[in-house]
Amino acid sequence: MNPFVELNLTLILFLPWFLILGTLYWLFPRKPRNAARVLYDIVALAVSVAVFLWSVYWSMGNADMQYGKLWPQILATALGYGVFLAALGLAFGLRFVLFKRGV
């Protein structure tokens, strides 16, 4: 397998799902939608992807190869997905606190 593809396989496989989750995060709730909220959402989505990539590359570099060649991919997938969801979930909760409806 191409080394670049092997290193980024987790991102390639999760990209459609991340696009769905990112779209749902962006669209809901619909109000309030001011410039501060748009900027916050862009930064939150970028940070979620950034911490995902960091966790994938970290786990690929630190996985114990005694469990086989596939283990780094398994670890990267599990850890990366959890980190992405945690970052997006924290951003969602913080957004609710910062941009309450009617304030």
PDB file of N, CA and C in Angstrom:
ATOM      1  N   MET A   1       0.855  -1.176   0.000  1.00  0.00           N
ATOM      2  CA  MET A   1       0.000   0.000   0.000  1.00  0.00           C
ATOM      3  C   MET A   1       0.896   1.232   0.000  1.00  0.00           C
ATOM      4  N   ASN A   2       0.458   2.244  -0.664  1.00  0.00           N
ATOM      5  CA  ASN A   2       1.159   3.522  -0.698  1.00  0.00           C
ATOM      6  C   ASN A   2       1.314   4.048   0.729  1.00  0.00           C
ATOM      7  N   PRO A   3       2.515   4.447   1.149  1.00  0.00           N
ATOM      8  CA  PRO A   3       2.720   4.913   2.526  1.00  0.00           C
ATOM      9  C   PRO A   3       1.856   6.124   2.894  1.00  0.00           C
ATOM     10  N   PHE A   4       1.626   7.027   1.942  1.00  0.00           N
ATOM     11  CA  PHE A   4       0.780   8.191   2.219  1.00  0.00           C
ATOM     12  C   PHE A   4      -0.658   7.761   2.493  1.00  0.00           C
ATOM     13  N   VAL A   5      -1.160   6.846   1.689  1.00  0.00           N
ATOM     14  CA  VAL A   5      -2.524   6.342   1.881  1.00  0.00           C
ATOM     15  C   VAL A   5      -2.612   5.576   3.189  1.00  0.00           C
ATOM     16  N   GLU A   6      -1.600   4.767   3.482  1.00  0.00           N
ATOM     17  CA  GLU A   6      -1.603   3.992   4.720  1.00  0.00           C
ATOM     18  C   GLU A   6      -1.633   4.904   5.944  1.00  0.00           C
ATOM     19  N   LEU A   7      -0.868   5.989   5.899  1.00  0.00           N
ATOM     20  CA  LEU A   7      -0.829   6.921   7.016  1.00  0.00           C
ATOM     21  C   LEU A   7      -2.149   7.665   7.184  1.00  0.00           C
ATOM     22  N   ASN A   8      -2.837   7.943   6.077  1.00  0.00           N
ATOM     23  CA  ASN A   8      -4.074   8.724   6.116  1.00  0.00           C
ATOM     24  C   ASN A   8      -5.324   7.894   5.869  1.00  0.00           C
ATOM     25  N   LEU A   9      -5.214   6.586   5.977  1.00  0.00           N
ATOM     26  CA  LEU A   9      -6.355   5.707   5.706  1.00  0.00           C
ATOM     27  C   LEU A   9      -7.533   5.984   6.631  1.00  0.00           C
ATOM     28  N   THR A  10      -7.257   6.249   7.892  1.00  0.00           N
ATOM     29  CA  THR A  10      -8.324   6.536   8.843  1.00  0.00           C
ATOM     30  C   THR A  10      -9.106   7.769   8.424  1.00  0.00           C
ATOM     31  N   LEU A  11      -8.401   8.821   8.031  1.00  0.00           N
ATOM     32  CA  LEU A  11      -9.073  10.036   7.572  1.00  0.00           C
ATOM     33  C   LEU A  11      -9.876   9.766   6.312  1.00  0.00           C
ATOM     34  N   ILE A  12      -9.311   9.039   5.384  1.00  0.00           N
ATOM     35  CA  ILE A  12     -10.005   8.739   4.130  1.00  0.00           C
ATOM     36  C   ILE A  12     -11.297   7.976   4.402  1.00  0.00           C
ATOM     37  N   LEU A  13     -11.240   7.012   5.311  1.00  0.00           N
ATOM     38  CA  LEU A  13     -12.423   6.201   5.593  1.00  0.00           C
ATOM     39  C   LEU A  13     -13.486   6.962   6.391  1.00  0.00           C
ATOM     40  N   PHE A  14     -13.051   7.846   7.298  1.00  0.00           N
ATOM     41  CA  PHE A  14     -14.002   8.572   8.132  1.00  0.00           C
ATOM     42  C   PHE A  14     -14.483   9.878   7.523  1.00  0.00           C
ATOM     43  N   LEU A  15     -13.865  10.352   6.456  1.00  0.00           N
ATOM     44  CA  LEU A  15     -14.222  11.648   5.896  1.00  0.00           C
ATOM     45  C   LEU A  15     -15.712  11.783   5.568  1.00  0.00           C
ATOM     46  N   PRO A  16     -16.359  10.812   4.929  1.00  0.00           N
ATOM     47  CA  PRO A  16     -17.804  10.975   4.687  1.00  0.00           C
ATOM     48  C   PRO A  16     -18.614  11.111   5.979  1.00  0.00           C
ATOM     49  N   TRP A  17     -18.273  10.323   6.994  1.00  0.00           N
ATOM     50  CA  TRP A  17     -18.998  10.392   8.262  1.00  0.00           C
ATOM     51  C   TRP A  17     -18.726  11.719   8.958  1.00  0.00           C
ATOM     52  N   PHE A  18     -17.491  12.195   8.892  1.00  0.00           N
ATOM     53  CA  PHE A  18     -17.165  13.493   9.484  1.00  0.00           C
ATOM     54  C   PHE A  18     -17.889  14.617   8.772  1.00  0.00           C
ATOM     55  N   LEU A  19     -18.069  14.503   7.473  1.00  0.00           N
ATOM     56  CA  LEU A  19     -18.828  15.517   6.736  1.00  0.00           C
ATOM     57  C   LEU A  19     -20.293  15.535   7.175  1.00  0.00           C
ATOM     58  N   ILE A  20     -20.857  14.370   7.413  1.00  0.00           N
ATOM     59  CA  ILE A  20     -22.236  14.300   7.900  1.00  0.00           C
ATOM     60  C   ILE A  20     -22.342  14.906   9.296  1.00  0.00           C
ATOM     61  N   LEU A  21     -21.464  14.498  10.207  1.00  0.00           N
ATOM     62  CA  LEU A  21     -21.493  15.039  11.568  1.00  0.00           C
ATOM     63  C   LEU A  21     -21.219  16.539  11.574  1.00  0.00           C
ATOM     64  N   GLY A  22     -20.264  16.983  10.771  1.00  0.00           N
ATOM     65  CA  GLY A  22     -19.959  18.410  10.683  1.00  0.00           C
ATOM     66  C   GLY A  22     -21.126  19.213  10.135  1.00  0.00           C
ATOM     67  N   THR A  23     -21.819  18.674   9.147  1.00  0.00           N
ATOM     68  CA  THR A  23     -22.988  19.352   8.593  1.00  0.00           C
ATOM     69  C   THR A  23     -24.096  19.458   9.633  1.00  0.00           C
ATOM     70  N   LEU A  24     -24.345  18.381  10.361  1.00  0.00           N
ATOM     71  CA  LEU A  24     -25.372  18.420  11.406  1.00  0.00           C
ATOM     72  C   LEU A  24     -24.989  19.406  12.505  1.00  0.00           C
ATOM     73  N   TYR A  25     -23.710  19.425  12.884  1.00  0.00           N
ATOM     74  CA  TYR A  25     -23.242  20.391  13.885  1.00  0.00           C
ATOM     75  C   TYR A  25     -23.456  21.817  13.378  1.00  0.00           C
ATOM     76  N   TRP A  26     -23.164  22.045  12.102  1.00  0.00           N
ATOM     77  CA  TRP A  26     -23.282  23.387  11.518  1.00  0.00           C
ATOM     78  C   TRP A  26     -24.743  23.842  11.436  1.00  0.00           C
ATOM     79  N   LEU A  27     -25.630  22.929  11.109  1.00  0.00           N
ATOM     80  CA  LEU A  27     -27.018  23.318  10.846  1.00  0.00           C
ATOM     81  C   LEU A  27     -27.897  23.423  12.083  1.00  0.00           C
ATOM     82  N   PHE A  28     -27.590  22.697  13.136  1.00  0.00           N
ATOM     83  CA  PHE A  28     -28.492  22.653  14.286  1.00  0.00           C
ATOM     84  C   PHE A  28     -27.808  23.152  15.536  1.00  0.00           C
ATOM     85  N   PRO A  29     -28.434  23.965  16.340  1.00  0.00           N
ATOM     86  CA  PRO A  29     -29.701  24.648  16.085  1.00  0.00           C
ATOM     87  C   PRO A  29     -29.500  25.791  15.089  1.00  0.00           C
ATOM     88  N   ARG A  30     -30.565  26.141  14.429  1.00  0.00           N
ATOM     89  CA  ARG A  30     -30.492  27.135  13.364  1.00  0.00           C
ATOM     90  C   ARG A  30     -30.365  28.568  13.884  1.00  0.00           C
ATOM     91  N   LYS A  31     -30.866  28.831  15.053  1.00  0.00           N
ATOM     92  CA  LYS A  31     -30.841  30.192  15.613  1.00  0.00           C
ATOM     93  C   LYS A  31     -30.129  30.167  16.946  1.00  0.00           C
ATOM     94  N   PRO A  32     -29.435  31.151  17.384  1.00  0.00           N
ATOM     95  CA  PRO A  32     -29.039  32.357  16.651  1.00  0.00           C
ATOM     96  C   PRO A  32     -27.873  32.047  15.717  1.00  0.00           C
ATOM     97  N   ARG A  33     -27.823  32.722  14.597  1.00  0.00           N
ATOM     98  CA  ARG A  33     -26.767  32.517  13.608  1.00  0.00           C
ATOM     99  C   ARG A  33     -26.157  33.872  13.269  1.00  0.00           C
ATOM    100  N   ASN A  34     -25.312  34.356  14.146  1.00  0.00           N
ATOM    101  CA  ASN A  34     -24.644  35.628  13.900  1.00  0.00           C
ATOM    102  C   ASN A  34     -23.189  35.368  13.510  1.00  0.00           C
ATOM    103  N   ALA A  35     -22.438  36.428  13.285  1.00  0.00           N
ATOM    104  CA  ALA A  35     -21.051  36.284  12.837  1.00  0.00           C
ATOM    105  C   ALA A  35     -20.191  35.567  13.881  1.00  0.00           C
ATOM    106  N   ALA A  36     -20.435  35.841  15.144  1.00  0.00           N
ATOM    107  CA  ALA A  36     -19.656  35.189  16.205  1.00  0.00           C
ATOM    108  C   ALA A  36     -19.921  33.681  16.208  1.00  0.00           C
ATOM    109  N   ARG A  37     -21.158  33.297  16.015  1.00  0.00           N
ATOM    110  CA  ARG A  37     -21.499  31.873  15.991  1.00  0.00           C
ATOM    111  C   ARG A  37     -20.879  31.182  14.784  1.00  0.00           C
ATOM    112  N   VAL A  38     -20.903  31.830  13.630  1.00  0.00           N
ATOM    113  CA  VAL A  38     -20.303  31.249  12.430  1.00  0.00           C
ATOM    114  C   VAL A  38     -18.801  31.066  12.624  1.00  0.00           C
ATOM    115  N   LEU A  39     -18.145  32.076  13.168  1.00  0.00           N
ATOM    116  CA  LEU A  39     -16.717  31.980  13.430  1.00  0.00           C
ATOM    117  C   LEU A  39     -16.430  30.869  14.450  1.00  0.00           C
ATOM    118  N   TYR A  40     -17.221  30.808  15.501  1.00  0.00           N
ATOM    119  CA  TYR A  40     -17.056  29.758  16.515  1.00  0.00           C
ATOM    120  C   TYR A  40     -17.202  28.376  15.883  1.00  0.00           C
ATOM    121  N   ASP A  41     -18.220  28.193  15.039  1.00  0.00           N
ATOM    122  CA  ASP A  41     -18.440  26.895  14.408  1.00  0.00           C
ATOM    123  C   ASP A  41     -17.292  26.506  13.487  1.00  0.00           C
ATOM    124  N   ILE A  42     -16.767  27.459  12.728  1.00  0.00           N
ATOM    125  CA  ILE A  42     -15.632  27.175  11.843  1.00  0.00           C
ATOM    126  C   ILE A  42     -14.422  26.739  12.662  1.00  0.00           C
ATOM    127  N   VAL A  43     -14.140  27.488  13.726  1.00  0.00           N
ATOM    128  CA  VAL A  43     -12.992  27.141  14.581  1.00  0.00           C
ATOM    129  C   VAL A  43     -13.215  25.789  15.252  1.00  0.00           C
ATOM    130  N   ALA A  44     -14.416  25.521  15.730  1.00  0.00           N
ATOM    131  CA  ALA A  44     -14.706  24.249  16.400  1.00  0.00           C
ATOM    132  C   ALA A  44     -14.532  23.066  15.453  1.00  0.00           C
ATOM    133  N   LEU A  45     -15.012  23.193  14.236  1.00  0.00           N
ATOM    134  CA  LEU A  45     -14.858  22.110  13.270  1.00  0.00           C
ATOM    135  C   LEU A  45     -13.384  21.923  12.885  1.00  0.00           C
ATOM    136  N   ALA A  46     -12.666  23.021  12.717  1.00  0.00           N
ATOM    137  CA  ALA A  46     -11.240  22.929  12.382  1.00  0.00           C
ATOM    138  C   ALA A  46     -10.444  22.289  13.523  1.00  0.00           C
ATOM    139  N   VAL A  47     -10.749  22.677  14.753  1.00  0.00           N
ATOM    140  CA  VAL A  47     -10.055  22.093  15.904  1.00  0.00           C
ATOM    141  C   VAL A  47     -10.389  20.607  16.033  1.00  0.00           C
ATOM    142  N   SER A  48     -11.635  20.237  15.788  1.00  0.00           N
ATOM    143  CA  SER A  48     -12.024  18.824  15.860  1.00  0.00           C
ATOM    144  C   SER A  48     -11.239  17.985  14.852  1.00  0.00           C
ATOM    145  N   VAL A  49     -11.101  18.477  13.646  1.00  0.00           N
ATOM    146  CA  VAL A  49     -10.330  17.754  12.631  1.00  0.00           C
ATOM    147  C   VAL A  49      -8.844  17.748  12.999  1.00  0.00           C
ATOM    148  N   ALA A  50      -8.349  18.864  13.514  1.00  0.00           N
ATOM    149  CA  ALA A  50      -6.930  18.949  13.883  1.00  0.00           C
ATOM    150  C   ALA A  50      -6.579  17.966  15.003  1.00  0.00           C
ATOM    151  N   VAL A  51      -7.408  17.886  16.041  1.00  0.00           N
ATOM    152  CA  VAL A  51      -7.103  16.946  17.121  1.00  0.00           C
ATOM    153  C   VAL A  51      -7.291  15.503  16.652  1.00  0.00           C
ATOM    154  N   PHE A  52      -8.209  15.284  15.727  1.00  0.00           N
ATOM    155  CA  PHE A  52      -8.352  13.964  15.124  1.00  0.00           C
ATOM    156  C   PHE A  52      -7.063  13.566  14.412  1.00  0.00           C
ATOM    157  N   LEU A  53      -6.549  14.451  13.570  1.00  0.00           N
ATOM    158  CA  LEU A  53      -5.327  14.152  12.832  1.00  0.00           C
ATOM    159  C   LEU A  53      -4.149  13.947  13.776  1.00  0.00           C
ATOM    160  N   TRP A  54      -4.038  14.802  14.786  1.00  0.00           N
ATOM    161  CA  TRP A  54      -2.959  14.642  15.755  1.00  0.00           C
ATOM    162  C   TRP A  54      -3.045  13.268  16.420  1.00  0.00           C
ATOM    163  N   SER A  55      -4.239  12.874  16.845  1.00  0.00           N
ATOM    164  CA  SER A  55      -4.382  11.588  17.529  1.00  0.00           C
ATOM    165  C   SER A  55      -4.087  10.414  16.596  1.00  0.00           C
ATOM    166  N   VAL A  56      -4.457  10.537  15.331  1.00  0.00           N
ATOM    167  CA  VAL A  56      -4.183   9.473  14.362  1.00  0.00           C
ATOM    168  C   VAL A  56      -2.679   9.326  14.157  1.00  0.00           C
ATOM    169  N   TYR A  57      -2.009  10.439  13.915  1.00  0.00           N
ATOM    170  CA  TYR A  57      -0.563  10.368  13.677  1.00  0.00           C
ATOM    171  C   TYR A  57       0.183   9.924  14.931  1.00  0.00           C
ATOM    172  N   TRP A  58      -0.278  10.374  16.088  1.00  0.00           N
ATOM    173  CA  TRP A  58       0.351   9.947  17.332  1.00  0.00           C
ATOM    174  C   TRP A  58       0.185   8.447  17.537  1.00  0.00           C
ATOM    175  N   SER A  59      -1.023   7.950  17.344  1.00  0.00           N
ATOM    176  CA  SER A  59      -1.257   6.525  17.572  1.00  0.00           C
ATOM    177  C   SER A  59      -0.550   5.662  16.533  1.00  0.00           C
ATOM    178  N   MET A  60      -0.451   6.140  15.300  1.00  0.00           N
ATOM    179  CA  MET A  60       0.285   5.380  14.283  1.00  0.00           C
ATOM    180  C   MET A  60       1.765   5.296  14.651  1.00  0.00           C
ATOM    181  N   GLY A  61       2.294   6.355  15.223  1.00  0.00           N
ATOM    182  CA  GLY A  61       3.700   6.374  15.588  1.00  0.00           C
ATOM    183  C   GLY A  61       4.024   5.637  16.876  1.00  0.00           C
ATOM    184  N   ASN A  62       3.028   5.458  17.739  1.00  0.00           N
ATOM    185  CA  ASN A  62       3.282   4.864  19.054  1.00  0.00           C
ATOM    186  C   ASN A  62       2.634   3.492  19.264  1.00  0.00           C
ATOM    187  N   ALA A  63       1.972   2.968  18.254  1.00  0.00           N
ATOM    188  CA  ALA A  63       1.331   1.661  18.399  1.00  0.00           C
ATOM    189  C   ALA A  63       2.391   0.574  18.507  1.00  0.00           C
ATOM    190  N   ASP A  64       2.135  -0.393  19.353  1.00  0.00           N
ATOM    191  CA  ASP A  64       3.057  -1.508  19.555  1.00  0.00           C
ATOM    192  C   ASP A  64       2.889  -2.498  18.402  1.00  0.00           C
ATOM    193  N   MET A  65       3.938  -2.663  17.626  1.00  0.00           N
ATOM    194  CA  MET A  65       3.865  -3.517  16.438  1.00  0.00           C
ATOM    195  C   MET A  65       3.872  -5.011  16.765  1.00  0.00           C
ATOM    196  N   GLN A  66       4.039  -5.390  18.030  1.00  0.00           N
ATOM    197  CA  GLN A  66       4.039  -6.812  18.365  1.00  0.00           C
ATOM    198  C   GLN A  66       2.665  -7.433  18.148  1.00  0.00           C
ATOM    199  N   TYR A  67       1.635  -6.605  18.030  1.00  0.00           N
ATOM    200  CA  TYR A  67       0.285  -7.123  17.802  1.00  0.00           C
ATOM    201  C   TYR A  67      -0.043  -7.244  16.324  1.00  0.00           C
ATOM    202  N   GLY A  68       0.887  -6.926  15.464  1.00  0.00           N
ATOM    203  CA  GLY A  68       0.688  -7.081  14.027  1.00  0.00           C
ATOM    204  C   GLY A  68       0.723  -5.755  13.301  1.00  0.00           C
ATOM    205  N   LYS A  69       0.822  -5.848  11.988  1.00  0.00           N
ATOM    206  CA  LYS A  69       0.920  -4.660  11.143  1.00  0.00           C
ATOM    207  C   LYS A  69      -0.386  -3.868  11.102  1.00  0.00           C
ATOM    208  N   LEU A  70      -1.488  -4.528  11.342  1.00  0.00           N
ATOM    209  CA  LEU A  70      -2.782  -3.860  11.289  1.00  0.00           C
ATOM    210  C   LEU A  70      -3.100  -3.087  12.577  1.00  0.00           C
ATOM    211  N   TRP A  71      -2.431  -3.397  13.668  1.00  0.00           N
ATOM    212  CA  TRP A  71      -2.740  -2.774  14.948  1.00  0.00           C
ATOM    213  C   TRP A  71      -2.655  -1.247  14.916  1.00  0.00           C
ATOM    214  N   PRO A  72      -1.646  -0.626  14.296  1.00  0.00           N
ATOM    215  CA  PRO A  72      -1.628   0.847  14.261  1.00  0.00           C
ATOM    216  C   PRO A  72      -2.875   1.445  13.607  1.00  0.00           C
ATOM    217  N   GLN A  73      -3.378   0.799  12.562  1.00  0.00           N
ATOM    218  CA  GLN A  73      -4.597   1.293  11.909  1.00  0.00           C
ATOM    219  C   GLN A  73      -5.805   1.159  12.828  1.00  0.00           C
ATOM    220  N   ILE A  74      -5.888   0.047  13.540  1.00  0.00           N
ATOM    221  CA  ILE A  74      -7.007  -0.167  14.462  1.00  0.00           C
ATOM    222  C   ILE A  74      -6.974   0.856  15.589  1.00  0.00           C
ATOM    223  N   LEU A  75      -5.800   1.043  16.173  1.00  0.00           N
ATOM    224  CA  LEU A  75      -5.655   2.017  17.249  1.00  0.00           C
ATOM    225  C   LEU A  75      -5.950   3.426  16.754  1.00  0.00           C
ATOM    226  N   ALA A  76      -5.434   3.780  15.582  1.00  0.00           N
ATOM    227  CA  ALA A  76      -5.667   5.115  15.023  1.00  0.00           C
ATOM    228  C   ALA A  76      -7.150   5.352  14.766  1.00  0.00           C
ATOM    229  N   THR A  77      -7.831   4.352  14.274  1.00  0.00           N
ATOM    230  CA  THR A  77      -9.259   4.486  13.995  1.00  0.00           C
ATOM    231  C   THR A  77     -10.060   4.688  15.274  1.00  0.00           C
ATOM    232  N   ALA A  78      -9.823   3.848  16.252  1.00  0.00           N
ATOM    233  CA  ALA A  78     -10.582   3.935  17.506  1.00  0.00           C
ATOM    234  C   ALA A  78     -10.289   5.232  18.243  1.00  0.00           C
ATOM    235  N   LEU A  79      -9.030   5.550  18.389  1.00  0.00           N
ATOM    236  CA  LEU A  79      -8.649   6.749  19.120  1.00  0.00           C
ATOM    237  C   LEU A  79      -9.068   8.014  18.371  1.00  0.00           C
ATOM    238  N   GLY A  80      -8.835   8.042  17.078  1.00  0.00           N
ATOM    239  CA  GLY A  80      -9.181   9.224  16.286  1.00  0.00           C
ATOM    240  C   GLY A  80     -10.670   9.527  16.305  1.00  0.00           C
ATOM    241  N   TYR A  81     -11.485   8.505  16.151  1.00  0.00           N
ATOM    242  CA  TYR A  81     -12.935   8.717  16.149  1.00  0.00           C
ATOM    243  C   TYR A  81     -13.405   9.223  17.509  1.00  0.00           C
ATOM    244  N   GLY A  82     -12.883   8.645  18.573  1.00  0.00           N
ATOM    245  CA  GLY A  82     -13.260   9.091  19.916  1.00  0.00           C
ATOM    246  C   GLY A  82     -12.837  10.529  20.182  1.00  0.00           C
ATOM    247  N   VAL A  83     -11.643  10.880  19.751  1.00  0.00           N
ATOM    248  CA  VAL A  83     -11.148  12.248  19.951  1.00  0.00           C
ATOM    249  C   VAL A  83     -11.983  13.242  19.137  1.00  0.00           C
ATOM    250  N   PHE A  84     -12.314  12.900  17.905  1.00  0.00           N
ATOM    251  CA  PHE A  84     -13.137  13.785  17.083  1.00  0.00           C
ATOM    252  C   PHE A  84     -14.500  14.008  17.731  1.00  0.00           C
ATOM    253  N   LEU A  85     -15.139  12.928  18.163  1.00  0.00           N
ATOM    254  CA  LEU A  85     -16.456  13.067  18.797  1.00  0.00           C
ATOM    255  C   LEU A  85     -16.381  13.837  20.106  1.00  0.00           C
ATOM    256  N   ALA A  86     -15.336  13.624  20.882  1.00  0.00           N
ATOM    257  CA  ALA A  86     -15.180  14.360  22.138  1.00  0.00           C
ATOM    258  C   ALA A  86     -15.002  15.846  21.875  1.00  0.00           C
ATOM    259  N   ALA A  87     -14.166  16.206  20.917  1.00  0.00           N
ATOM    260  CA  ALA A  87     -13.933  17.621  20.603  1.00  0.00           C
ATOM    261  C   ALA A  87     -15.206  18.271  20.074  1.00  0.00           C
ATOM    262  N   LEU A  88     -15.917  17.586  19.184  1.00  0.00           N
ATOM    263  CA  LEU A  88     -17.149  18.149  18.638  1.00  0.00           C
ATOM    264  C   LEU A  88     -18.231  18.222  19.714  1.00  0.00           C
ATOM    265  N   GLY A  89     -18.298  17.236  20.582  1.00  0.00           N
ATOM    266  CA  GLY A  89     -19.265  17.268  21.681  1.00  0.00           C
ATOM    267  C   GLY A  89     -18.996  18.390  22.661  1.00  0.00           C
ATOM    268  N   LEU A  90     -17.734  18.597  23.004  1.00  0.00           N
ATOM    269  CA  LEU A  90     -17.393  19.721  23.882  1.00  0.00           C
ATOM    270  C   LEU A  90     -17.720  21.056  23.226  1.00  0.00           C
ATOM    271  N   ALA A  91     -17.420  21.164  21.943  1.00  0.00           N
ATOM    272  CA  ALA A  91     -17.742  22.400  21.223  1.00  0.00           C
ATOM    273  C   ALA A  91     -19.249  22.633  21.183  1.00  0.00           C
ATOM    274  N   PHE A  92     -20.015  21.558  21.015  1.00  0.00           N
ATOM    275  CA  PHE A  92     -21.474  21.674  20.981  1.00  0.00           C
ATOM    276  C   PHE A  92     -22.006  22.156  22.330  1.00  0.00           C
ATOM    277  N   GLY A  93     -21.503  21.561  23.405  1.00  0.00           N
ATOM    278  CA  GLY A  93     -21.938  21.971  24.736  1.00  0.00           C
ATOM    279  C   GLY A  93     -21.553  23.400  25.058  1.00  0.00           C
ATOM    280  N   LEU A  94     -20.337  23.776  24.719  1.00  0.00           N
ATOM    281  CA  LEU A  94     -19.888  25.141  24.957  1.00  0.00           C
ATOM    282  C   LEU A  94     -20.665  26.129  24.104  1.00  0.00           C
ATOM    283  N   ARG A  95     -20.984  25.740  22.880  1.00  0.00           N
ATOM    284  CA  ARG A  95     -21.784  26.614  22.009  1.00  0.00           C
ATOM    285  C   ARG A  95     -23.158  26.857  22.616  1.00  0.00           C
ATOM    286  N   PHE A  96     -23.738  25.834  23.207  1.00  0.00           N
ATOM    287  CA  PHE A  96     -25.047  25.989  23.843  1.00  0.00           C
ATOM    288  C   PHE A  96     -24.974  27.014  24.973  1.00  0.00           C
ATOM    289  N   VAL A  97     -23.895  26.976  25.737  1.00  0.00           N
ATOM    290  CA  VAL A  97     -23.730  27.913  26.858  1.00  0.00           C
ATOM    291  C   VAL A  97     -23.461  29.325  26.323  1.00  0.00           C
ATOM    292  N   LEU A  98     -22.611  29.451  25.320  1.00  0.00           N
ATOM    293  CA  LEU A  98     -22.228  30.764  24.825  1.00  0.00           C
ATOM    294  C   LEU A  98     -23.308  31.465  24.000  1.00  0.00           C
ATOM    295  N   PHE A  99     -24.049  30.703  23.235  1.00  0.00           N
ATOM    296  CA  PHE A  99     -25.017  31.293  22.319  1.00  0.00           C
ATOM    297  C   PHE A  99     -26.427  30.810  22.606  1.00  0.00           C
ATOM    298  N   LYS A 100     -26.883  31.082  23.806  1.00  0.00           N
ATOM    299  CA  LYS A 100     -28.236  30.669  24.191  1.00  0.00           C
ATOM    300  C   LYS A 100     -29.258  31.373  23.325  1.00  0.00           C
ATOM    301  N   ARG A 101     -30.313  30.668  23.026  1.00  0.00           N
ATOM    302  CA  ARG A 101     -31.398  31.220  22.210  1.00  0.00           C
ATOM    303  C   ARG A 101     -32.080  32.348  22.984  1.00  0.00           C
ATOM    304  N   GLY A 102     -32.280  33.435  22.304  1.00  0.00           N
ATOM    305  CA  GLY A 102     -32.997  34.557  22.900  1.00  0.00           C
ATOM    306  C   GLY A 102     -32.114  35.508  23.679  1.00  0.00           C
ATOM    307  N   VAL A 103     -30.807  35.264  23.679  1.00  0.00           N
ATOM    308  CA  VAL A 103     -29.905  36.166  24.414  1.00  0.00           C
ATOM    309  C   VAL A 103     -29.248  37.109  23.440  1.00  0.00           C
TER     310      VAL A 103
END
